[in-house]
Amino acid sequence: DMLNSLAILVPYFYDYPSKKMRVIGVT
């Protein structure tokens, strides 16, 4: 499954950069 695989692979590959900053999400 492409979407589910990308959701796992891409953040892992880039070492989860969001963990190095404060992130505020608005929905």
PDB file of all heavy atoms in Angstrom:
ATOM      1  N   ASP A   1       0.851  -1.192   0.000  1.00  0.00           N
ATOM      2  CA  ASP A   1       0.000   0.000   0.000  1.00  0.00           C
ATOM      3  C   ASP A   1       0.886   1.241   0.000  1.00  0.00           C
ATOM      4  O   ASP A   1       1.717   1.409   0.904  1.00  0.00           O
ATOM      5  CB  ASP A   1      -0.914  -0.001   1.233  1.00  0.00           C
ATOM      6  CG  ASP A   1      -1.799   1.224   1.307  1.00  0.00           C
ATOM      7  OD1 ASP A   1      -1.348   2.266   1.815  1.00  0.00           O
ATOM      8  OD2 ASP A   1      -2.956   1.146   0.835  1.00  0.00           O
ATOM      9  N   MET A   2       0.701   2.104  -0.991  1.00  0.00           N
ATOM     10  CA  MET A   2       1.625   3.230  -1.149  1.00  0.00           C
ATOM     11  C   MET A   2       1.488   4.274  -0.032  1.00  0.00           C
ATOM     12  O   MET A   2       2.485   4.664   0.599  1.00  0.00           O
ATOM     13  CB  MET A   2       1.408   3.890  -2.511  1.00  0.00           C
ATOM     14  CG  MET A   2       2.387   5.019  -2.806  1.00  0.00           C
ATOM     15  SD  MET A   2       4.123   4.460  -2.813  1.00  0.00           S
ATOM     16  CE  MET A   2       4.223   3.645  -4.409  1.00  0.00           C
ATOM     17  N   LEU A   3       0.274   4.749   0.233  1.00  0.00           N
ATOM     18  CA  LEU A   3       0.109   5.823   1.215  1.00  0.00           C
ATOM     19  C   LEU A   3       0.559   5.390   2.607  1.00  0.00           C
ATOM     20  O   LEU A   3       1.277   6.120   3.301  1.00  0.00           O
ATOM     21  CB  LEU A   3      -1.341   6.300   1.249  1.00  0.00           C
ATOM     22  CG  LEU A   3      -1.823   7.120   0.056  1.00  0.00           C
ATOM     23  CD1 LEU A   3      -3.280   7.534   0.245  1.00  0.00           C
ATOM     24  CD2 LEU A   3      -0.958   8.362  -0.148  1.00  0.00           C
ATOM     25  N   ASN A   4       0.145   4.194   3.027  1.00  0.00           N
ATOM     26  CA  ASN A   4       0.537   3.721   4.350  1.00  0.00           C
ATOM     27  C   ASN A   4       2.046   3.492   4.444  1.00  0.00           C
ATOM     28  O   ASN A   4       2.661   3.754   5.481  1.00  0.00           O
ATOM     29  CB  ASN A   4      -0.204   2.430   4.685  1.00  0.00           C
ATOM     30  CG  ASN A   4      -1.659   2.675   5.038  1.00  0.00           C
ATOM     31  OD1 ASN A   4      -1.984   3.675   5.673  1.00  0.00           O
ATOM     32  ND2 ASN A   4      -2.536   1.782   4.629  1.00  0.00           N
ATOM     33  N   SER A   5       2.642   3.029   3.368  1.00  0.00           N
ATOM     34  CA  SER A   5       4.091   2.793   3.366  1.00  0.00           C
ATOM     35  C   SER A   5       4.866   4.096   3.440  1.00  0.00           C
ATOM     36  O   SER A   5       5.832   4.224   4.202  1.00  0.00           O
ATOM     37  CB  SER A   5       4.485   2.001   2.114  1.00  0.00           C
ATOM     38  OG  SER A   5       3.862   0.737   2.112  1.00  0.00           O
ATOM     39  N   LEU A   6       4.430   5.087   2.650  1.00  0.00           N
ATOM     40  CA  LEU A   6       5.103   6.387   2.692  1.00  0.00           C
ATOM     41  C   LEU A   6       4.992   7.014   4.074  1.00  0.00           C
ATOM     42  O   LEU A   6       5.933   7.656   4.560  1.00  0.00           O
ATOM     43  CB  LEU A   6       4.491   7.322   1.644  1.00  0.00           C
ATOM     44  CG  LEU A   6       4.840   7.025   0.179  1.00  0.00           C
ATOM     45  CD1 LEU A   6       4.027   7.933  -0.744  1.00  0.00           C
ATOM     46  CD2 LEU A   6       6.328   7.212  -0.085  1.00  0.00           C
ATOM     47  N   ALA A   7       3.843   6.830   4.713  1.00  0.00           N
ATOM     48  CA  ALA A   7       3.629   7.397   6.045  1.00  0.00           C
ATOM     49  C   ALA A   7       4.636   6.853   7.053  1.00  0.00           C
ATOM     50  O   ALA A   7       5.008   7.531   8.015  1.00  0.00           O
ATOM     51  CB  ALA A   7       2.203   7.100   6.508  1.00  0.00           C
ATOM     52  N   ILE A   8       5.107   5.640   6.814  1.00  0.00           N
ATOM     53  CA  ILE A   8       6.096   5.021   7.705  1.00  0.00           C
ATOM     54  C   ILE A   8       7.518   5.336   7.260  1.00  0.00           C
ATOM     55  O   ILE A   8       8.384   5.718   8.059  1.00  0.00           O
ATOM     56  CB  ILE A   8       5.884   3.492   7.743  1.00  0.00           C
ATOM     57  CG1 ILE A   8       4.514   3.171   8.357  1.00  0.00           C
ATOM     58  CG2 ILE A   8       7.008   2.794   8.513  1.00  0.00           C
ATOM     59  CD1 ILE A   8       4.085   1.732   8.160  1.00  0.00           C
ATOM     60  N   LEU A   9       7.763   5.184   5.956  1.00  0.00           N
ATOM     61  CA  LEU A   9       9.136   5.268   5.438  1.00  0.00           C
ATOM     62  C   LEU A   9       9.724   6.675   5.466  1.00  0.00           C
ATOM     63  O   LEU A   9      10.878   6.864   5.860  1.00  0.00           O
ATOM     64  CB  LEU A   9       9.168   4.751   3.996  1.00  0.00           C
ATOM     65  CG  LEU A   9       8.874   3.276   3.754  1.00  0.00           C
ATOM     66  CD1 LEU A   9       8.844   2.976   2.267  1.00  0.00           C
ATOM     67  CD2 LEU A   9       9.913   2.410   4.454  1.00  0.00           C
ATOM     68  N   VAL A  10       8.943   7.657   5.019  1.00  0.00           N
ATOM     69  CA  VAL A  10       9.518   8.988   4.792  1.00  0.00           C
ATOM     70  C   VAL A  10       9.937   9.675   6.094  1.00  0.00           C
ATOM     71  O   VAL A  10      11.079  10.147   6.194  1.00  0.00           O
ATOM     72  CB  VAL A  10       8.556   9.868   3.965  1.00  0.00           C
ATOM     73  CG1 VAL A  10       9.190  11.222   3.689  1.00  0.00           C
ATOM     74  CG2 VAL A  10       8.202   9.179   2.645  1.00  0.00           C
ATOM     75  N   PRO A  11       9.070   9.756   7.104  1.00  0.00           N
ATOM     76  CA  PRO A  11       9.539  10.377   8.355  1.00  0.00           C
ATOM     77  C   PRO A  11      10.739   9.648   8.958  1.00  0.00           C
ATOM     78  O   PRO A  11      11.660  10.291   9.483  1.00  0.00           O
ATOM     79  CB  PRO A  11       8.316  10.283   9.271  1.00  0.00           C
ATOM     80  CG  PRO A  11       7.144  10.148   8.354  1.00  0.00           C
ATOM     81  CD  PRO A  11       7.656   9.354   7.197  1.00  0.00           C
ATOM     82  N   TYR A  12      10.744   8.304   8.869  1.00  0.00           N
ATOM     83  CA  TYR A  12      11.874   7.528   9.380  1.00  0.00           C
ATOM     84  C   TYR A  12      13.156   7.875   8.628  1.00  0.00           C
ATOM     85  O   TYR A  12      14.217   8.074   9.233  1.00  0.00           O
ATOM     86  CB  TYR A  12      11.572   6.036   9.252  1.00  0.00           C
ATOM     87  CG  TYR A  12      12.763   5.132   9.490  1.00  0.00           C
ATOM     88  CD1 TYR A  12      13.178   4.819  10.782  1.00  0.00           C
ATOM     89  CD2 TYR A  12      13.487   4.598   8.416  1.00  0.00           C
ATOM     90  CE1 TYR A  12      14.276   3.992  11.001  1.00  0.00           C
ATOM     91  CE2 TYR A  12      14.581   3.778   8.626  1.00  0.00           C
ATOM     92  CZ  TYR A  12      14.972   3.479   9.922  1.00  0.00           C
ATOM     93  OH  TYR A  12      16.064   2.664  10.139  1.00  0.00           O
ATOM     94  N   PHE A  13      13.047   7.927   7.298  1.00  0.00           N
ATOM     95  CA  PHE A  13      14.241   8.205   6.485  1.00  0.00           C
ATOM     96  C   PHE A  13      14.866   9.544   6.878  1.00  0.00           C
ATOM     97  O   PHE A  13      16.095   9.667   6.946  1.00  0.00           O
ATOM     98  CB  PHE A  13      13.880   8.214   5.002  1.00  0.00           C
ATOM     99  CG  PHE A  13      15.055   8.472   4.107  1.00  0.00           C
ATOM    100  CD1 PHE A  13      15.896   7.439   3.730  1.00  0.00           C
ATOM    101  CD2 PHE A  13      15.355   9.758   3.665  1.00  0.00           C
ATOM    102  CE1 PHE A  13      17.011   7.674   2.922  1.00  0.00           C
ATOM    103  CE2 PHE A  13      16.454  10.004   2.866  1.00  0.00           C
ATOM    104  CZ  PHE A  13      17.296   8.956   2.493  1.00  0.00           C
ATOM    105  N   TYR A  14      14.038  10.550   7.133  1.00  0.00           N
ATOM    106  CA  TYR A  14      14.558  11.889   7.446  1.00  0.00           C
ATOM    107  C   TYR A  14      14.725  12.129   8.949  1.00  0.00           C
ATOM    108  O   TYR A  14      14.896  13.264   9.392  1.00  0.00           O
ATOM    109  CB  TYR A  14      13.651  12.956   6.828  1.00  0.00           C
ATOM    110  CG  TYR A  14      13.775  12.994   5.314  1.00  0.00           C
ATOM    111  CD1 TYR A  14      12.766  12.499   4.500  1.00  0.00           C
ATOM    112  CD2 TYR A  14      14.921  13.495   4.703  1.00  0.00           C
ATOM    113  CE1 TYR A  14      12.888  12.521   3.107  1.00  0.00           C
ATOM    114  CE2 TYR A  14      15.064  13.519   3.328  1.00  0.00           C
ATOM    115  CZ  TYR A  14      14.041  13.027   2.542  1.00  0.00           C
ATOM    116  OH  TYR A  14      14.181  13.052   1.166  1.00  0.00           O
ATOM    117  N   ASP A  15      14.668  11.039   9.737  1.00  0.00           N
ATOM    118  CA  ASP A  15      14.932  11.102  11.191  1.00  0.00           C
ATOM    119  C   ASP A  15      13.966  12.014  11.940  1.00  0.00           C
ATOM    120  O   ASP A  15      14.343  12.706  12.880  1.00  0.00           O
ATOM    121  CB  ASP A  15      16.382  11.538  11.456  1.00  0.00           C
ATOM    122  CG  ASP A  15      17.392  10.537  10.909  1.00  0.00           C
ATOM    123  OD1 ASP A  15      17.142   9.322  11.011  1.00  0.00           O
ATOM    124  OD2 ASP A  15      18.419  10.981  10.361  1.00  0.00           O
ATOM    125  N   TYR A  16      12.709  11.995  11.522  1.00  0.00           N
ATOM    126  CA  TYR A  16      11.631  12.684  12.232  1.00  0.00           C
ATOM    127  C   TYR A  16      11.986  14.139  12.595  1.00  0.00           C
ATOM    128  O   TYR A  16      12.081  14.500  13.769  1.00  0.00           O
ATOM    129  CB  TYR A  16      11.256  11.899  13.497  1.00  0.00           C
ATOM    130  CG  TYR A  16      10.861  10.484  13.210  1.00  0.00           C
ATOM    131  CD1 TYR A  16      11.781   9.432  13.355  1.00  0.00           C
ATOM    132  CD2 TYR A  16       9.578  10.175  12.769  1.00  0.00           C
ATOM    133  CE1 TYR A  16      11.419   8.118  13.083  1.00  0.00           C
ATOM    134  CE2 TYR A  16       9.211   8.854  12.490  1.00  0.00           C
ATOM    135  CZ  TYR A  16      10.135   7.839  12.646  1.00  0.00           C
ATOM    136  OH  TYR A  16       9.774   6.550  12.373  1.00  0.00           O
ATOM    137  N   PRO A  17      12.170  14.991  11.603  1.00  0.00           N
ATOM    138  CA  PRO A  17      12.606  16.374  11.873  1.00  0.00           C
ATOM    139  C   PRO A  17      11.625  17.177  12.729  1.00  0.00           C
ATOM    140  O   PRO A  17      12.035  18.124  13.417  1.00  0.00           O
ATOM    141  CB  PRO A  17      12.740  16.975  10.472  1.00  0.00           C
ATOM    142  CG  PRO A  17      11.889  16.117   9.590  1.00  0.00           C
ATOM    143  CD  PRO A  17      11.990  14.735  10.169  1.00  0.00           C
ATOM    144  N   SER A  18      10.342  16.835  12.715  1.00  0.00           N
ATOM    145  CA  SER A  18       9.375  17.615  13.511  1.00  0.00           C
ATOM    146  C   SER A  18       9.654  17.507  15.001  1.00  0.00           C
ATOM    147  O   SER A  18       9.228  18.372  15.778  1.00  0.00           O
ATOM    148  CB  SER A  18       7.948  17.141  13.219  1.00  0.00           C
ATOM    149  OG  SER A  18       7.739  15.826  13.719  1.00  0.00           O
ATOM    150  N   LYS A  19      10.367  16.480  15.417  1.00  0.00           N
ATOM    151  CA  LYS A  19      10.675  16.312  16.832  1.00  0.00           C
ATOM    152  C   LYS A  19      11.710  17.328  17.320  1.00  0.00           C
ATOM    153  O   LYS A  19      11.914  17.482  18.536  1.00  0.00           O
ATOM    154  CB  LYS A  19      11.185  14.884  17.091  1.00  0.00           C
ATOM    155  CG  LYS A  19      10.147  13.801  16.814  1.00  0.00           C
ATOM    156  CD  LYS A  19      10.694  12.417  17.094  1.00  0.00           C
ATOM    157  CE  LYS A  19       9.696  11.318  16.730  1.00  0.00           C
ATOM    158  NZ  LYS A  19       8.490  11.355  17.550  1.00  0.00           N
ATOM    159  N   LYS A  20      12.338  18.025  16.364  1.00  0.00           N
ATOM    160  CA  LYS A  20      13.388  18.985  16.728  1.00  0.00           C
ATOM    161  C   LYS A  20      12.856  20.413  16.834  1.00  0.00           C
ATOM    162  O   LYS A  20      13.608  21.341  17.086  1.00  0.00           O
ATOM    163  CB  LYS A  20      14.509  18.911  15.686  1.00  0.00           C
ATOM    164  CG  LYS A  20      15.134  17.522  15.585  1.00  0.00           C
ATOM    165  CD  LYS A  20      15.977  17.371  14.336  1.00  0.00           C
ATOM    166  CE  LYS A  20      16.408  15.913  14.172  1.00  0.00           C
ATOM    167  NZ  LYS A  20      17.074  15.666  12.877  1.00  0.00           N
ATOM    168  N   MET A  21      11.532  20.591  16.588  1.00  0.00           N
ATOM    169  CA  MET A  21      10.906  21.913  16.669  1.00  0.00           C
ATOM    170  C   MET A  21       9.564  21.764  17.380  1.00  0.00           C
ATOM    171  O   MET A  21       9.026  20.671  17.484  1.00  0.00           O
ATOM    172  CB  MET A  21      10.678  22.485  15.260  1.00  0.00           C
ATOM    173  CG  MET A  21      11.924  22.579  14.402  1.00  0.00           C
ATOM    174  SD  MET A  21      11.555  22.984  12.665  1.00  0.00           S
ATOM    175  CE  MET A  21      10.924  21.405  12.058  1.00  0.00           C
ATOM    176  N   ARG A  22       9.011  22.872  17.865  1.00  0.00           N
ATOM    177  CA  ARG A  22       7.646  22.852  18.372  1.00  0.00           C
ATOM    178  C   ARG A  22       6.705  22.992  17.174  1.00  0.00           C
ATOM    179  O   ARG A  22       6.914  23.838  16.300  1.00  0.00           O
ATOM    180  CB  ARG A  22       7.394  24.000  19.350  1.00  0.00           C
ATOM    181  CG  ARG A  22       8.274  23.986  20.586  1.00  0.00           C
ATOM    182  CD  ARG A  22       7.979  22.840  21.520  1.00  0.00           C
ATOM    183  NE  ARG A  22       6.671  22.933  22.174  1.00  0.00           N
ATOM    184  CZ  ARG A  22       6.222  22.032  23.049  1.00  0.00           C
ATOM    185  NH1 ARG A  22       6.949  20.964  23.344  1.00  0.00           N
ATOM    186  NH2 ARG A  22       5.029  22.187  23.602  1.00  0.00           N
ATOM    187  N   VAL A  23       5.666  22.156  17.117  1.00  0.00           N
ATOM    188  CA  VAL A  23       4.760  22.144  15.970  1.00  0.00           C
ATOM    189  C   VAL A  23       3.329  22.396  16.439  1.00  0.00           C
ATOM    190  O   VAL A  23       2.813  21.683  17.313  1.00  0.00           O
ATOM    191  CB  VAL A  23       4.835  20.810  15.202  1.00  0.00           C
ATOM    192  CG1 VAL A  23       3.929  20.857  13.964  1.00  0.00           C
ATOM    193  CG2 VAL A  23       6.282  20.497  14.786  1.00  0.00           C
ATOM    194  N   ILE A  24       2.700  23.396  15.851  1.00  0.00           N
ATOM    195  CA  ILE A  24       1.316  23.757  16.160  1.00  0.00           C
ATOM    196  C   ILE A  24       0.475  23.494  14.916  1.00  0.00           C
ATOM    197  O   ILE A  24       0.747  24.051  13.849  1.00  0.00           O
ATOM    198  CB  ILE A  24       1.189  25.233  16.574  1.00  0.00           C
ATOM    199  CG1 ILE A  24       2.052  25.513  17.812  1.00  0.00           C
ATOM    200  CG2 ILE A  24      -0.265  25.610  16.840  1.00  0.00           C
ATOM    201  CD1 ILE A  24       2.148  26.987  18.182  1.00  0.00           C
ATOM    202  N   GLY A  25      -0.546  22.646  15.042  1.00  0.00           N
ATOM    203  CA  GLY A  25      -1.416  22.319  13.914  1.00  0.00           C
ATOM    204  C   GLY A  25      -2.805  22.896  14.111  1.00  0.00           C
ATOM    205  O   GLY A  25      -3.355  22.851  15.216  1.00  0.00           O
ATOM    206  N   VAL A  26      -3.376  23.430  13.039  1.00  0.00           N
ATOM    207  CA  VAL A  26      -4.714  24.035  13.092  1.00  0.00           C
ATOM    208  C   VAL A  26      -5.614  23.317  12.098  1.00  0.00           C
ATOM    209  O   VAL A  26      -5.319  23.268  10.901  1.00  0.00           O
ATOM    210  CB  VAL A  26      -4.675  25.538  12.753  1.00  0.00           C
ATOM    211  CG1 VAL A  26      -6.063  26.165  12.933  1.00  0.00           C
ATOM    212  CG2 VAL A  26      -3.649  26.269  13.619  1.00  0.00           C
ATOM    213  N   THR A  27      -6.724  22.756  12.589  1.00  0.00           N
ATOM    214  CA  THR A  27      -7.688  22.116  11.703  1.00  0.00           C
ATOM    215  C   THR A  27      -9.070  22.713  11.937  1.00  0.00           C
ATOM    216  O   THR A  27      -9.335  23.320  12.968  1.00  0.00           O
ATOM    217  CB  THR A  27      -7.693  20.587  11.894  1.00  0.00           C
ATOM    218  OG1 THR A  27      -8.297  19.976  10.759  1.00  0.00           O
ATOM    219  CG2 THR A  27      -8.440  20.164  13.156  1.00  0.00           C
TER     220      THR A  27
END
